[in-house]
C-alpha atoms as a PDB file:
ATOM      1  CA  MET A   1      99.188-105.057  -9.873  1.00  0.00           C
ATOM      2  CA  THR A   2     101.540-105.706 -12.488  1.00  0.00           C
ATOM      3  CA  SER A   3     101.712-103.110 -15.120  1.00  0.00           C
ATOM      4  CA  HIS A   4     101.028-104.084 -18.814  1.00  0.00           C
ATOM      5  CA  ARG A   5     103.939-103.190 -20.870  1.00  0.00           C
ATOM      6  CA  GLU A   6     103.585-100.772 -23.885  1.00  0.00           C
ATOM      7  CA  ASP A   7     106.135-102.552 -25.908  1.00  0.00           C
ATOM      8  CA  ARG A   8     104.133-105.385 -27.609  1.00  0.00           C
ATOM      9  CA  GLY A   9     106.882-107.235 -29.366  1.00  0.00           C
ATOM     10  CA  THR A  10     106.477-108.963 -32.804  1.00  0.00           C
ATOM     11  CA  ALA A  11     103.058-109.243 -34.458  1.00  0.00           C
ATOM     12  CA  GLY A  12     102.748-112.796 -33.019  1.00  0.00           C
ATOM     13  CA  GLU A  13     103.519-111.464 -29.581  1.00  0.00           C
ATOM     14  CA  ARG A  14     101.000-108.777 -29.942  1.00  0.00           C
ATOM     15  CA  ALA A  15      98.283-111.016 -30.687  1.00  0.00           C
ATOM     16  CA  ALA A  16      99.001-113.374 -27.804  1.00  0.00           C
ATOM     17  CA  ARG A  17      99.478-110.246 -25.403  1.00  0.00           C
ATOM     18  CA  SER A  18      96.190-109.047 -26.622  1.00  0.00           C
ATOM     19  CA  ARG A  19      94.271-112.164 -26.165  1.00  0.00           C
ATOM     20  CA  VAL A  20      95.620-112.314 -22.832  1.00  0.00           C
ATOM     21  CA  LEU A  21      94.522-108.770 -21.846  1.00  0.00           C
ATOM     22  CA  LEU A  22      91.056-109.438 -23.332  1.00  0.00           C
ATOM     23  CA  ASP A  23      90.330-112.260 -21.236  1.00  0.00           C
ATOM     24  CA  ARG A  24      91.828-110.358 -17.983  1.00  0.00           C
ATOM     25  CA  ALA A  25      89.615-107.381 -18.953  1.00  0.00           C
ATOM     26  CA  ARG A  26      86.464-109.445 -19.321  1.00  0.00           C
ATOM     27  CA  ALA A  27      87.249-110.910 -15.947  1.00  0.00           C
ATOM     28  CA  GLY A  28      87.518-107.366 -14.292  1.00  0.00           C
ATOM     29  CA  ASP A  29      90.857-106.450 -14.680  1.00  0.00           C
ATOM     30  CA  ALA A  30      90.621-102.294 -15.277  1.00  0.00           C
ATOM     31  CA  GLU A  31      94.263-101.645 -15.977  1.00  0.00           C
ATOM     32  CA  ALA A  32      93.938-104.406 -18.801  1.00  0.00           C
ATOM     33  CA  ARG A  33      90.854-102.789 -20.120  1.00  0.00           C
ATOM     34  CA  GLU A  34      92.589 -99.527 -20.325  1.00  0.00           C
ATOM     35  CA  THR A  35      95.551-100.959 -22.167  1.00  0.00           C
ATOM     36  CA  LEU A  36      93.384-102.679 -24.864  1.00  0.00           C
ATOM     37  CA  LEU A  37      91.510 -99.531 -25.149  1.00  0.00           C
ATOM     38  CA  ARG A  38      94.646 -97.388 -25.468  1.00  0.00           C
ATOM     39  CA  TRP A  39      96.575 -99.940 -27.763  1.00  0.00           C
ATOM     40  CA  TYR A  40      93.600-100.203 -30.215  1.00  0.00           C
ATOM     41  CA  GLN A  41      92.767 -96.364 -30.496  1.00  0.00           C
ATOM     42  CA  PRO A  42      94.277 -96.279 -34.019  1.00  0.00           C
ATOM     43  CA  PHE A  43      92.029 -99.380 -34.982  1.00  0.00           C
ATOM     44  CA  VAL A  44      88.846 -97.540 -33.563  1.00  0.00           C
ATOM     45  CA  LEU A  45      89.763 -94.449 -35.267  1.00  0.00           C
ATOM     46  CA  ARG A  46      90.430 -96.379 -38.644  1.00  0.00           C
ATOM     47  CA  VAL A  47      86.618 -97.956 -38.544  1.00  0.00           C
ATOM     48  CA  ALA A  48      85.417 -94.561 -37.351  1.00  0.00           C
ATOM     49  CA  VAL A  49      86.970 -92.679 -40.605  1.00  0.00           C
ATOM     50  CA  ALA A  50      85.740 -95.467 -42.896  1.00  0.00           C
ATOM     51  CA  VAL A  51      82.277 -95.318 -41.678  1.00  0.00           C
ATOM     52  CA  SER A  52      82.185 -91.456 -41.621  1.00  0.00           C
ATOM     53  CA  ARG A  53      84.006 -90.957 -44.778  1.00  0.00           C
ATOM     54  CA  ARG A  54      85.856 -87.903 -43.719  1.00  0.00           C
ATOM     55  CA  TYR A  55      89.016 -87.044 -41.327  1.00  0.00           C
ATOM     56  CA  LEU A  56      88.549 -87.409 -37.613  1.00  0.00           C
ATOM     57  CA  SER A  57      90.428 -85.833 -34.713  1.00  0.00           C
ATOM     58  CA  PRO A  58      90.325 -87.977 -31.541  1.00  0.00           C
ATOM     59  CA  GLY A  59      89.246 -85.516 -28.781  1.00  0.00           C
ATOM     60  CA  ARG A  60      87.156 -83.024 -31.103  1.00  0.00           C
ATOM     61  CA  ASP A  61      84.888 -85.552 -33.165  1.00  0.00           C
ATOM     62  CA  ASP A  62      82.090 -87.249 -31.396  1.00  0.00           C
ATOM     63  CA  GLU A  63      82.416 -90.291 -33.907  1.00  0.00           C
ATOM     64  CA  PHE A  64      85.714 -91.319 -32.107  1.00  0.00           C
ATOM     65  CA  SER A  65      84.107 -91.167 -28.623  1.00  0.00           C
ATOM     66  CA  VAL A  66      81.464 -93.193 -29.950  1.00  0.00           C
ATOM     67  CA  GLY A  67      83.744 -95.777 -31.720  1.00  0.00           C
ATOM     68  CA  LEU A  68      85.932 -96.115 -28.585  1.00  0.00           C
ATOM     69  CA  SER A  69      82.632 -96.753 -26.286  1.00  0.00           C
ATOM     70  CA  ALA A  70      81.688 -99.353 -28.747  1.00  0.00           C
ATOM     71  CA  PHE A  71      85.114-100.948 -28.488  1.00  0.00           C
ATOM     72  CA  ASN A  72      84.765-101.087 -24.601  1.00  0.00           C
ATOM     73  CA  GLU A  73      81.122-102.466 -25.357  1.00  0.00           C
ATOM     74  CA  ALA A  74      82.715-104.910 -27.519  1.00  0.00           C
ATOM     75  CA  ILE A  75      85.171-106.281 -24.648  1.00  0.00           C
ATOM     76  CA  ASP A  76      82.239-107.391 -22.547  1.00  0.00           C
ATOM     77  CA  GLY A  77      79.875-108.822 -25.352  1.00  0.00           C
ATOM     78  CA  TYR A  78      82.613-110.828 -27.290  1.00  0.00           C
ATOM     79  CA  ASP A  79      82.113-114.534 -27.235  1.00  0.00           C
ATOM     80  CA  ALA A  80      85.067-116.523 -28.845  1.00  0.00           C
ATOM     81  CA  GLY A  81      82.703-119.604 -29.116  1.00  0.00           C
ATOM     82  CA  ARG A  82      80.769-117.857 -31.811  1.00  0.00           C
ATOM     83  CA  GLY A  83      83.904-118.333 -34.415  1.00  0.00           C
ATOM     84  CA  VAL A  84      84.675-115.022 -35.008  1.00  0.00           C
ATOM     85  CA  SER A  85      87.780-112.974 -34.230  1.00  0.00           C
ATOM     86  CA  PHE A  86      87.663-110.276 -31.845  1.00  0.00           C
ATOM     87  CA  LEU A  87      88.588-107.440 -33.827  1.00  0.00           C
ATOM     88  CA  GLY A  88      85.993-108.255 -36.413  1.00  0.00           C
ATOM     89  CA  PHE A  89      83.351-108.523 -33.652  1.00  0.00           C
ATOM     90  CA  ALA A  90      84.475-104.985 -32.607  1.00  0.00           C
ATOM     91  CA  GLU A  91      84.555-103.639 -35.933  1.00  0.00           C
ATOM     92  CA  THR A  92      80.928-104.709 -36.345  1.00  0.00           C
ATOM     93  CA  VAL A  93      79.835-103.251 -33.057  1.00  0.00           C
ATOM     94  CA  ILE A  94      81.494 -99.819 -33.821  1.00  0.00           C
ATOM     95  CA  ARG A  95      79.764 -99.542 -37.159  1.00  0.00           C
ATOM     96  CA  ARG A  96      76.472-100.139 -35.522  1.00  0.00           C
ATOM     97  CA  ARG A  97      76.955 -97.821 -32.862  1.00  0.00           C
ATOM     98  CA  LEU A  98      78.152 -95.131 -35.258  1.00  0.00           C
ATOM     99  CA  ILE A  99      75.064 -95.824 -37.550  1.00  0.00           C
ATOM    100  CA  ASP A 100      72.849 -95.163 -34.414  1.00  0.00           C
ATOM    101  CA  TYR A 101      74.687 -92.017 -33.533  1.00  0.00           C
ATOM    102  CA  TYR A 102      73.880 -90.986 -37.117  1.00  0.00           C
ATOM    103  CA  ARG A 103      70.422 -91.934 -36.914  1.00  0.00           C
ATOM    104  CA  ARG A 104      69.953 -89.883 -33.610  1.00  0.00           C
ATOM    105  CA  ASN A 105      71.592 -86.859 -35.233  1.00  0.00           C
ATOM    106  CA  ARG A 106      69.253 -87.132 -38.291  1.00  0.00           C
ATOM    107  CA  ALA A 107      66.109 -87.355 -35.848  1.00  0.00           C
ATOM    108  CA  ALA A 108      67.469 -84.149 -34.141  1.00  0.00           C
ATOM    109  CA  ARG A 109      67.929 -82.215 -37.289  1.00  0.00           C
ATOM    110  CA  ARG A 110      64.319 -82.782 -38.127  1.00  0.00           C
ATOM    111  CA  GLU A 111      63.180 -80.750 -35.075  1.00  0.00           C
ATOM    112  CA  ILE A 112      62.264 -77.117 -36.159  1.00  0.00           C
ATOM    113  CA  PRO A 113      62.041 -74.477 -33.494  1.00  0.00           C
ATOM    114  CA  LEU A 114      58.408 -73.121 -32.795  1.00  0.00           C
ATOM    115  CA  SER A 115      59.474 -69.644 -33.230  1.00  0.00           C
ATOM    116  CA  ALA A 116      60.074 -70.365 -36.827  1.00  0.00           C
ATOM    117  CA  VAL A 117      56.150 -70.407 -37.282  1.00  0.00           C
ATOM    118  CA  TYR A 118      56.019 -66.637 -36.732  1.00  0.00           C
ATOM    119  CA  SER A 119      57.882 -64.754 -39.484  1.00  0.00           C
ATOM    120  CA  SER A 120      58.105 -65.075 -43.186  1.00  0.00           C
ATOM    121  CA  GLU A 121      61.992 -65.020 -42.728  1.00  0.00           C
ATOM    122  CA  ALA A 122      61.559 -68.038 -40.319  1.00  0.00           C
ATOM    123  CA  GLU A 123      59.505 -69.844 -42.697  1.00  0.00           C
ATOM    124  CA  GLU A 124      62.138 -69.500 -45.271  1.00  0.00           C
ATOM    125  CA  ALA A 125      64.645 -70.685 -42.783  1.00  0.00           C
ATOM    126  CA  GLU A 126      62.309 -73.763 -42.287  1.00  0.00           C
ATOM    127  CA  SER A 127      61.968 -74.530 -45.953  1.00  0.00           C
ATOM    128  CA  GLY A 128      65.646 -74.527 -46.269  1.00  0.00           C
ATOM    129  CA  LEU A 129      66.120 -76.689 -43.268  1.00  0.00           C
ATOM    130  CA  ARG A 130      63.455 -79.020 -44.480  1.00  0.00           C
ATOM    131  CA  HIS A 131      65.313 -79.371 -47.860  1.00  0.00           C
ATOM    132  CA  ALA A 132      68.505 -79.750 -46.117  1.00  0.00           C
ATOM    133  CA  THR A 133      66.991 -82.512 -43.794  1.00  0.00           C
ATOM    134  CA  GLU A 134      65.580 -84.374 -46.577  1.00  0.00           C
ATOM    135  CA  ALA A 135      68.874 -84.331 -48.483  1.00  0.00           C
ATOM    136  CA  PHE A 136      70.700 -85.597 -45.349  1.00  0.00           C
ATOM    137  CA  GLN A 137      68.105 -88.415 -45.009  1.00  0.00           C
ATOM    138  CA  ALA A 138      68.495 -89.471 -48.063  1.00  0.00           C
ATOM    139  CA  ALA A 139      72.189 -89.657 -48.031  1.00  0.00           C
ATOM    140  CA  ALA A 140      72.281 -91.147 -44.731  1.00  0.00           C
ATOM    141  CA  GLU A 141      69.729 -93.957 -46.210  1.00  0.00           C
ATOM    142  CA  ALA A 142      72.110 -94.250 -49.356  1.00  0.00           C
ATOM    143  CA  TRP A 143      75.010 -94.829 -47.035  1.00  0.00           C
ATOM    144  CA  GLU A 144      73.465 -97.203 -44.840  1.00  0.00           C
ATOM    145  CA  ARG A 145      72.142 -99.272 -47.719  1.00  0.00           C
ATOM    146  CA  ARG A 146      75.868 -99.252 -48.898  1.00  0.00           C
ATOM    147  CA  GLU A 147      77.032-100.472 -45.766  1.00  0.00           C
ATOM    148  CA  GLU A 148      74.354-103.342 -45.257  1.00  0.00           C
ATOM    149  CA  ILE A 149      75.248-104.580 -48.934  1.00  0.00           C
ATOM    150  CA  ARG A 150      78.944-104.547 -47.715  1.00  0.00           C
ATOM    151  CA  ARG A 151      78.368-106.383 -44.782  1.00  0.00           C
ATOM    152  CA  PHE A 152      76.087-109.083 -46.767  1.00  0.00           C
ATOM    153  CA  ARG A 153      78.697-109.467 -49.222  1.00  0.00           C
ATOM    154  CA  SER A 154      81.246-110.357 -46.384  1.00  0.00           C
ATOM    155  CA  LEU A 155      78.853-112.724 -44.938  1.00  0.00           C
ATOM    156  CA  LEU A 156      78.278-114.422 -48.085  1.00  0.00           C
ATOM    157  CA  ALA A 157      81.955-114.841 -48.780  1.00  0.00           C
ATOM    158  CA  GLU A 158      82.321-116.804 -45.664  1.00  0.00           C
ATOM    159  CA  PHE A 159      80.259-119.337 -47.511  1.00  0.00           C
ATOM    160  CA  GLY A 160      82.083-119.043 -50.835  1.00  0.00           C
ATOM    161  CA  ILE A 161      79.083-117.170 -52.270  1.00  0.00           C
ATOM    162  CA  GLY A 162      79.392-114.230 -54.344  1.00  0.00           C
ATOM    163  CA  LEU A 163      76.988-111.450 -54.389  1.00  0.00           C
ATOM    164  CA  GLY A 164      76.451-111.349 -58.056  1.00  0.00           C
ATOM    165  CA  GLU A 165      75.766-115.221 -58.226  1.00  0.00           C
ATOM    166  CA  LEU A 166      72.338-114.677 -56.366  1.00  0.00           C
ATOM    167  CA  ALA A 167      70.134-113.534 -59.436  1.00  0.00           C
ATOM    168  CA  ARG A 168      71.542-116.669 -61.249  1.00  0.00           C
ATOM    169  CA  VAL A 169      70.800-118.884 -58.507  1.00  0.00           C
ATOM    170  CA  CYS A 170      67.169-117.731 -57.539  1.00  0.00           C
ATOM    171  CA  PRO A 171      64.882-120.556 -58.332  1.00  0.00           C
ATOM    172  CA  ARG A 172      62.951-119.558 -61.364  1.00  0.00           C
ATOM    173  CA  HIS A 173      59.606-121.204 -60.788  1.00  0.00           C
ATOM    174  CA  GLU A 174      57.422-119.315 -58.072  1.00  0.00           C
ATOM    175  CA  ASP A 175      56.374-122.727 -56.438  1.00  0.00           C
ATOM    176  CA  THR A 176      60.107-123.975 -56.115  1.00  0.00           C
ATOM    177  CA  ARG A 177      61.167-120.193 -54.806  1.00  0.00           C
ATOM    178  CA  ARG A 178      58.399-120.539 -52.227  1.00  0.00           C
ATOM    179  CA  ARG A 179      59.145-123.774 -50.855  1.00  0.00           C
ATOM    180  CA  VAL A 180      63.016-123.188 -50.872  1.00  0.00           C
ATOM    181  CA  PHE A 181      62.314-119.766 -48.994  1.00  0.00           C
ATOM    182  CA  ALA A 182      60.251-121.562 -46.335  1.00  0.00           C
ATOM    183  CA  VAL A 183      63.340-123.989 -45.694  1.00  0.00           C
ATOM    184  CA  ALA A 184      65.410-120.823 -45.260  1.00  0.00           C
ATOM    185  CA  ARG A 185      63.021-119.379 -42.702  1.00  0.00           C
ATOM    186  CA  MET A 186      62.762-122.636 -41.138  1.00  0.00           C
ATOM    187  CA  LEU A 187      66.523-122.640 -40.904  1.00  0.00           C
ATOM    188  CA  ALA A 188      66.661-119.294 -39.333  1.00  0.00           C
ATOM    189  CA  ASP A 189      63.792-119.952 -36.780  1.00  0.00           C
ATOM    190  CA  ASP A 190      65.769-122.985 -35.327  1.00  0.00           C
ATOM    191  CA  PRO A 191      68.354-121.780 -33.006  1.00  0.00           C
ATOM    192  CA  VAL A 192      70.350-124.656 -32.985  1.00  0.00           C
ATOM    193  CA  LEU A 193      70.387-125.281 -36.988  1.00  0.00           C
ATOM    194  CA  ALA A 194      71.079-121.277 -37.091  1.00  0.00           C
ATOM    195  CA  ASP A 195      74.095-121.882 -34.791  1.00  0.00           C
ATOM    196  CA  ARG A 196      75.226-124.631 -37.047  1.00  0.00           C
ATOM    197  CA  LEU A 197      75.191-122.503 -40.208  1.00  0.00           C
ATOM    198  CA  ARG A 198      76.747-119.650 -38.542  1.00  0.00           C
ATOM    199  CA  LEU A 199      79.734-121.465 -36.542  1.00  0.00           C
ATOM    200  CA  ARG A 200      80.310-124.523 -38.901  1.00  0.00           C
ATOM    201  CA  ARG A 201      79.629-122.645 -42.133  1.00  0.00           C
ATOM    202  CA  GLU A 202      77.462-125.673 -43.301  1.00  0.00           C
ATOM    203  CA  LEU A 203      73.845-126.330 -44.405  1.00  0.00           C
ATOM    204  CA  PRO A 204      72.284-128.735 -41.998  1.00  0.00           C
ATOM    205  CA  LEU A 205      70.822-130.703 -45.188  1.00  0.00           C
ATOM    206  CA  LYS A 206      69.538-134.005 -43.447  1.00  0.00           C
ATOM    207  CA  GLU A 207      67.474-132.021 -40.735  1.00  0.00           C
ATOM    208  CA  LEU A 208      66.075-129.498 -43.172  1.00  0.00           C
ATOM    209  CA  ALA A 209      65.332-132.474 -45.627  1.00  0.00           C
ATOM    210  CA  ALA A 210      63.385-134.365 -42.977  1.00  0.00           C
ATOM    211  CA  ARG A 211      61.389-131.439 -41.875  1.00  0.00           C
ATOM    212  CA  SER A 212      60.458-129.938 -45.280  1.00  0.00           C
ATOM    213  CA  GLY A 213      60.094-132.911 -47.416  1.00  0.00           C
ATOM    214  CA  LEU A 214      62.245-131.743 -50.419  1.00  0.00           C
ATOM    215  CA  SER A 215      65.142-133.984 -51.172  1.00  0.00           C
ATOM    216  CA  ARG A 216      68.909-133.481 -50.233  1.00  0.00           C
ATOM    217  CA  LYS A 217      69.559-133.166 -53.869  1.00  0.00           C
ATOM    218  CA  THR A 218      67.167-130.451 -54.379  1.00  0.00           C
ATOM    219  CA  LEU A 219      68.548-128.814 -50.960  1.00  0.00           C
ATOM    220  CA  GLU A 220      72.018-129.021 -52.238  1.00  0.00           C
ATOM    221  CA  ARG A 221      71.095-127.467 -55.738  1.00  0.00           C
ATOM    222  CA  HIS A 222      69.607-124.494 -53.863  1.00  0.00           C
ATOM    223  CA  ARG A 223      72.216-124.054 -51.229  1.00  0.00           C
ATOM    224  CA  ARG A 224      73.244-120.710 -52.169  1.00  0.00           C
ATOM    225  CA  TYR A 225      69.863-119.388 -52.451  1.00  0.00           C
ATOM    226  CA  ILE A 226      68.929-120.960 -48.995  1.00  0.00           C
ATOM    227  CA  VAL A 227      72.077-119.576 -47.109  1.00  0.00           C
ATOM    228  CA  ALA A 228      71.448-116.161 -48.440  1.00  0.00           C
ATOM    229  CA  VAL A 229      68.049-115.860 -47.551  1.00  0.00           C
ATOM    230  CA  ALA A 230      68.956-117.273 -44.010  1.00  0.00           C
ATOM    231  CA  LEU A 231      71.681-114.738 -43.657  1.00  0.00           C
ATOM    232  CA  ILE A 232      69.352-111.935 -44.250  1.00  0.00           C
ATOM    233  CA  LEU A 233      66.723-113.282 -41.936  1.00  0.00           C
ATOM    234  CA  LEU A 234      69.405-113.911 -39.045  1.00  0.00           C
ATOM    235  CA  GLU A 235      71.594-110.767 -39.379  1.00  0.00           C
ATOM    236  CA  ASP A 236      70.937-107.043 -38.648  1.00  0.00           C
ATOM    237  CA  LEU A 237      69.972-106.332 -42.358  1.00  0.00           C
ATOM    238  CA  PRO A 238      66.707-104.180 -42.195  1.00  0.00           C
ATOM    239  CA  TYR A 239      66.717-103.189 -45.958  1.00  0.00           C
ATOM    240  CA  LEU A 240      67.320-106.354 -47.304  1.00  0.00           C
ATOM    241  CA  ARG A 241      64.718-108.069 -44.967  1.00  0.00           C
ATOM    242  CA  GLY A 242      62.427-105.518 -46.232  1.00  0.00           C
ATOM    243  CA  TYR A 243      63.041-106.379 -49.646  1.00  0.00           C
ATOM    244  CA  LEU A 244      62.202-110.031 -48.743  1.00  0.00           C
ATOM    245  CA  SER A 245      58.980-108.966 -47.290  1.00  0.00           C
ATOM    246  CA  ARG A 246      57.966-107.505 -50.741  1.00  0.00           C
ATOM    247  CA  GLU A 247      59.075-110.756 -52.596  1.00  0.00           C
END
């Protein structure tokens, strides 16, 4: 087997080399996969540090191992046909796996030893642990919400929509809001139309007008609201989806 060079040349050459290695790794070339994992360790570390918001040391901190495993997972799960760069996709997978890791740890921290029931000192320890756990949970949930908002802002930007615009473009009248919301749900529930939204970054106005009975002019006027709601329904945004359910 031909050895993969460590010298990757210029930025353009590195990008081309990475694409070749990615194709080979997905086809089962173990050496190509190992090379990608080695080359992109700094990338994995950068994403893990951004998520954890603290300094991480490879080989010592679990977050780096989780991130590297997620990068390896991204190699197999990447689909170039969806119009997303590999590194963008890999970053999303790393962030999600780290969030899963923190959630598991948070659940583990809730467990209290049975022996804590049998002494006053243990009861005090239990109380302290409970308060610490609640504080950790609140901080973790706040972090998850910030990450979700960051991702939502990034998704909206792909359609030329700013997060600050949403309050302004939300339909004022309840009846209009309900009808337009139903259009967004119709879009999210149809895999073909949803793919057009995701891949082409366009709203399928003709099909939506025919199915909803609303005019294309009305749909175009509420385009930003429809796109925003559809993205919340389609993407992994549980906090925002919960907000929509309350609405």
